């Protein structure tokens, strides 16, 4: 699935994170190892700073478990609606 401009606009509006930042993170993830806990935690920390929202250790653990375990919905648009 390609990332559409419409999708980026929705994410940008909901998170106040610029499209450029979203694309930079996506590019880094594309080249990274999504099975690597350190990579995922780094992205979580970066997104926490960009959005100005704190992420608890418990939340971070759940996100890492979902990503590493391939439990992410295939339709990302459903996640932001």
N, C-alpha and C. Protein backbone atom coordinates (compact mmCIF):
# COMPACT_ATOMS: atom_id res chain seq x y z
N UNK A 1 0.84 -1.18 0.00
CA UNK A 1 0.00 0.00 0.00
C UNK A 1 0.88 1.23 0.00
N UNK A 2 0.65 2.13 -0.92
CA UNK A 2 1.38 3.38 -0.95
C UNK A 2 0.74 4.38 0.00
N UNK A 3 1.54 5.32 0.45
CA UNK A 3 1.02 6.36 1.33
C UNK A 3 0.48 7.47 0.45
N UNK A 4 -0.81 7.73 0.57
CA UNK A 4 -1.44 8.75 -0.25
C UNK A 4 -1.35 10.11 0.43
N UNK A 5 -1.49 11.15 -0.37
CA UNK A 5 -1.47 12.51 0.17
C UNK A 5 -2.64 12.71 1.13
N UNK A 6 -3.77 12.11 0.80
CA UNK A 6 -4.95 12.20 1.67
C UNK A 6 -4.66 11.59 3.04
N UNK A 7 -4.01 10.43 3.04
CA UNK A 7 -3.65 9.77 4.29
C UNK A 7 -2.70 10.65 5.10
N UNK A 8 -1.68 11.18 4.44
CA UNK A 8 -0.72 12.04 5.14
C UNK A 8 -1.39 13.28 5.71
N UNK A 9 -2.33 13.86 4.97
CA UNK A 9 -3.05 15.03 5.47
C UNK A 9 -3.85 14.69 6.72
N UNK A 10 -4.48 13.52 6.74
CA UNK A 10 -5.25 13.10 7.92
C UNK A 10 -4.33 12.91 9.12
N UNK A 11 -3.20 12.26 8.90
CA UNK A 11 -2.26 12.02 9.99
C UNK A 11 -1.71 13.35 10.49
N UNK A 12 -1.35 14.22 9.57
CA UNK A 12 -0.80 15.52 9.94
C UNK A 12 -1.81 16.31 10.77
N UNK A 13 -3.07 16.28 10.37
CA UNK A 13 -4.11 17.01 11.08
C UNK A 13 -4.33 16.45 12.49
N UNK A 14 -4.32 15.13 12.63
CA UNK A 14 -4.57 14.50 13.92
C UNK A 14 -3.38 14.59 14.87
N UNK A 15 -2.17 14.63 14.33
CA UNK A 15 -0.98 14.54 15.18
C UNK A 15 -0.18 15.84 15.28
N UNK A 16 -0.44 16.77 14.38
CA UNK A 16 0.37 18.00 14.28
C UNK A 16 1.83 17.70 13.93
N UNK A 17 2.06 16.58 13.27
CA UNK A 17 3.39 16.22 12.79
C UNK A 17 3.39 16.45 11.28
N UNK A 18 4.39 17.16 10.80
CA UNK A 18 4.44 17.51 9.38
C UNK A 18 4.57 16.29 8.48
N UNK A 19 4.08 16.44 7.25
CA UNK A 19 4.20 15.36 6.27
C UNK A 19 5.67 14.98 6.06
N UNK A 20 6.53 15.98 6.07
CA UNK A 20 7.96 15.72 5.85
C UNK A 20 8.51 14.82 6.95
N UNK A 21 8.11 15.09 8.21
CA UNK A 21 8.58 14.26 9.33
C UNK A 21 8.02 12.85 9.22
N UNK A 22 6.76 12.75 8.84
CA UNK A 22 6.12 11.43 8.68
C UNK A 22 6.85 10.63 7.62
N UNK A 23 7.13 11.27 6.48
CA UNK A 23 7.82 10.57 5.39
C UNK A 23 9.25 10.19 5.78
N UNK A 24 9.92 11.05 6.55
CA UNK A 24 11.29 10.74 6.98
C UNK A 24 11.29 9.51 7.90
N UNK A 25 10.32 9.43 8.80
CA UNK A 25 10.23 8.27 9.69
C UNK A 25 9.89 7.03 8.88
N UNK A 26 8.95 7.16 7.95
CA UNK A 26 8.56 6.02 7.11
C UNK A 26 9.76 5.51 6.31
N UNK A 27 10.55 6.41 5.79
CA UNK A 27 11.74 6.03 5.01
C UNK A 27 12.73 5.29 5.90
N UNK A 28 12.91 5.78 7.11
CA UNK A 28 13.83 5.13 8.04
C UNK A 28 13.35 3.73 8.40
N UNK A 29 12.04 3.59 8.58
CA UNK A 29 11.47 2.28 8.90
C UNK A 29 11.58 1.33 7.72
N UNK A 30 11.41 1.88 6.52
CA UNK A 30 11.51 1.06 5.32
C UNK A 30 12.89 0.42 5.22
N UNK A 31 13.90 1.20 5.59
CA UNK A 31 15.27 0.71 5.50
C UNK A 31 15.71 -0.03 6.76
N UNK A 32 14.91 0.07 7.83
CA UNK A 32 15.27 -0.55 9.10
C UNK A 32 14.69 -1.93 9.27
N UNK A 33 14.95 -2.47 10.41
CA UNK A 33 14.47 -3.81 10.75
C UNK A 33 13.29 -3.68 11.70
N UNK A 34 12.09 -3.97 11.21
CA UNK A 34 10.90 -3.85 12.04
C UNK A 34 10.79 -4.96 13.09
N UNK A 35 11.71 -5.88 13.07
CA UNK A 35 11.76 -6.92 14.10
C UNK A 35 12.74 -6.56 15.20
N UNK A 36 13.40 -5.42 15.04
CA UNK A 36 14.40 -4.98 16.01
C UNK A 36 13.75 -4.05 17.04
N UNK A 37 13.71 -4.50 18.27
CA UNK A 37 13.06 -3.75 19.35
C UNK A 37 13.68 -2.35 19.51
N UNK A 38 14.98 -2.26 19.39
CA UNK A 38 15.66 -0.96 19.56
C UNK A 38 15.19 0.04 18.50
N UNK A 39 15.04 -0.42 17.26
CA UNK A 39 14.56 0.44 16.17
C UNK A 39 13.16 0.94 16.47
N UNK A 40 12.28 0.04 16.87
CA UNK A 40 10.89 0.41 17.15
C UNK A 40 10.83 1.38 18.32
N UNK A 41 11.57 1.11 19.38
CA UNK A 41 11.57 2.02 20.55
C UNK A 41 12.10 3.40 20.17
N UNK A 42 13.08 3.45 19.28
CA UNK A 42 13.61 4.74 18.83
C UNK A 42 12.55 5.54 18.09
N UNK A 43 11.78 4.87 17.25
CA UNK A 43 10.70 5.54 16.52
C UNK A 43 9.61 6.01 17.49
N UNK A 44 9.27 5.17 18.46
CA UNK A 44 8.27 5.56 19.46
C UNK A 44 8.73 6.81 20.20
N UNK A 45 9.99 6.83 20.61
CA UNK A 45 10.53 8.00 21.32
C UNK A 45 10.50 9.24 20.44
N UNK A 46 10.86 9.08 19.18
CA UNK A 46 10.86 10.22 18.25
C UNK A 46 9.45 10.76 18.04
N UNK A 47 8.50 9.85 17.85
CA UNK A 47 7.12 10.27 17.66
C UNK A 47 6.56 10.93 18.92
N UNK A 48 6.97 10.45 20.07
CA UNK A 48 6.54 11.05 21.33
C UNK A 48 6.98 12.51 21.40
N UNK A 49 8.22 12.76 21.02
CA UNK A 49 8.74 14.13 21.02
C UNK A 49 8.01 14.98 19.98
N UNK A 50 7.84 14.45 18.77
CA UNK A 50 7.19 15.21 17.69
C UNK A 50 5.74 15.57 18.02
N UNK A 51 5.04 14.66 18.68
CA UNK A 51 3.62 14.90 18.98
C UNK A 51 3.42 15.61 20.32
N UNK A 52 4.47 15.64 21.13
CA UNK A 52 4.34 16.26 22.45
C UNK A 52 3.53 15.42 23.42
N UNK A 53 3.45 14.12 23.15
CA UNK A 53 2.69 13.21 24.00
C UNK A 53 3.64 12.18 24.60
N UNK A 54 3.50 11.97 25.89
CA UNK A 54 4.36 10.98 26.52
C UNK A 54 3.80 9.58 26.29
N UNK A 55 4.71 8.63 26.24
CA UNK A 55 4.34 7.23 26.06
C UNK A 55 4.92 6.47 27.25
N UNK A 56 4.04 5.84 28.01
CA UNK A 56 4.49 5.09 29.18
C UNK A 56 5.27 3.85 28.75
N UNK A 57 6.01 3.29 29.67
CA UNK A 57 6.75 2.05 29.41
C UNK A 57 5.78 0.95 29.00
N UNK A 58 4.64 0.89 29.65
CA UNK A 58 3.64 -0.14 29.32
C UNK A 58 3.11 0.04 27.90
N UNK A 59 2.81 1.29 27.52
CA UNK A 59 2.33 1.56 26.16
C UNK A 59 3.41 1.21 25.14
N UNK A 60 4.63 1.60 25.43
CA UNK A 60 5.74 1.33 24.54
C UNK A 60 5.93 -0.18 24.36
N UNK A 61 5.84 -0.92 25.45
CA UNK A 61 5.98 -2.37 25.39
C UNK A 61 4.89 -2.99 24.51
N UNK A 62 3.65 -2.50 24.63
CA UNK A 62 2.54 -3.01 23.83
C UNK A 62 2.76 -2.72 22.34
N UNK A 63 3.24 -1.52 22.04
CA UNK A 63 3.49 -1.14 20.65
C UNK A 63 4.59 -2.02 20.06
N UNK A 64 5.67 -2.18 20.80
CA UNK A 64 6.79 -3.01 20.32
C UNK A 64 6.30 -4.43 20.08
N UNK A 65 5.55 -4.98 21.02
CA UNK A 65 5.04 -6.35 20.87
C UNK A 65 4.15 -6.47 19.62
N UNK A 66 3.30 -5.47 19.38
CA UNK A 66 2.41 -5.51 18.21
C UNK A 66 3.21 -5.43 16.91
N UNK A 67 4.19 -4.54 16.85
CA UNK A 67 4.96 -4.37 15.62
C UNK A 67 5.83 -5.60 15.35
N UNK A 68 6.55 -6.04 16.35
CA UNK A 68 7.44 -7.20 16.18
C UNK A 68 6.63 -8.46 15.88
N UNK A 69 5.42 -8.54 16.43
CA UNK A 69 4.57 -9.71 16.22
C UNK A 69 3.66 -9.62 15.03
N UNK A 70 3.89 -8.62 14.16
CA UNK A 70 3.07 -8.42 12.96
C UNK A 70 1.58 -8.31 13.26
N UNK A 71 1.25 -7.58 14.32
CA UNK A 71 -0.15 -7.40 14.71
C UNK A 71 -0.68 -6.02 14.33
N UNK A 72 -0.11 -5.41 13.33
CA UNK A 72 -0.52 -4.10 12.87
C UNK A 72 -1.58 -4.28 11.79
N UNK A 73 -2.69 -3.53 11.88
CA UNK A 73 -3.74 -3.66 10.84
C UNK A 73 -3.18 -3.36 9.46
N UNK A 74 -3.67 -4.08 8.46
CA UNK A 74 -3.18 -3.86 7.10
C UNK A 74 -3.71 -2.57 6.50
N UNK A 75 -4.85 -2.09 6.96
CA UNK A 75 -5.41 -0.85 6.46
C UNK A 75 -5.14 0.26 7.46
N UNK A 76 -4.06 1.00 7.24
CA UNK A 76 -3.66 2.06 8.16
C UNK A 76 -4.69 3.18 8.24
N UNK A 77 -5.44 3.40 7.18
CA UNK A 77 -6.44 4.46 7.21
C UNK A 77 -7.48 4.21 8.28
N UNK A 78 -7.80 2.96 8.55
CA UNK A 78 -8.77 2.64 9.60
C UNK A 78 -8.27 3.07 10.98
N UNK A 79 -6.96 3.12 11.15
CA UNK A 79 -6.39 3.49 12.44
C UNK A 79 -6.57 4.98 12.75
N UNK A 80 -6.73 5.81 11.73
CA UNK A 80 -6.80 7.25 11.99
C UNK A 80 -8.19 7.82 11.83
N UNK A 81 -9.14 7.04 11.42
CA UNK A 81 -10.51 7.53 11.26
C UNK A 81 -11.24 7.57 12.57
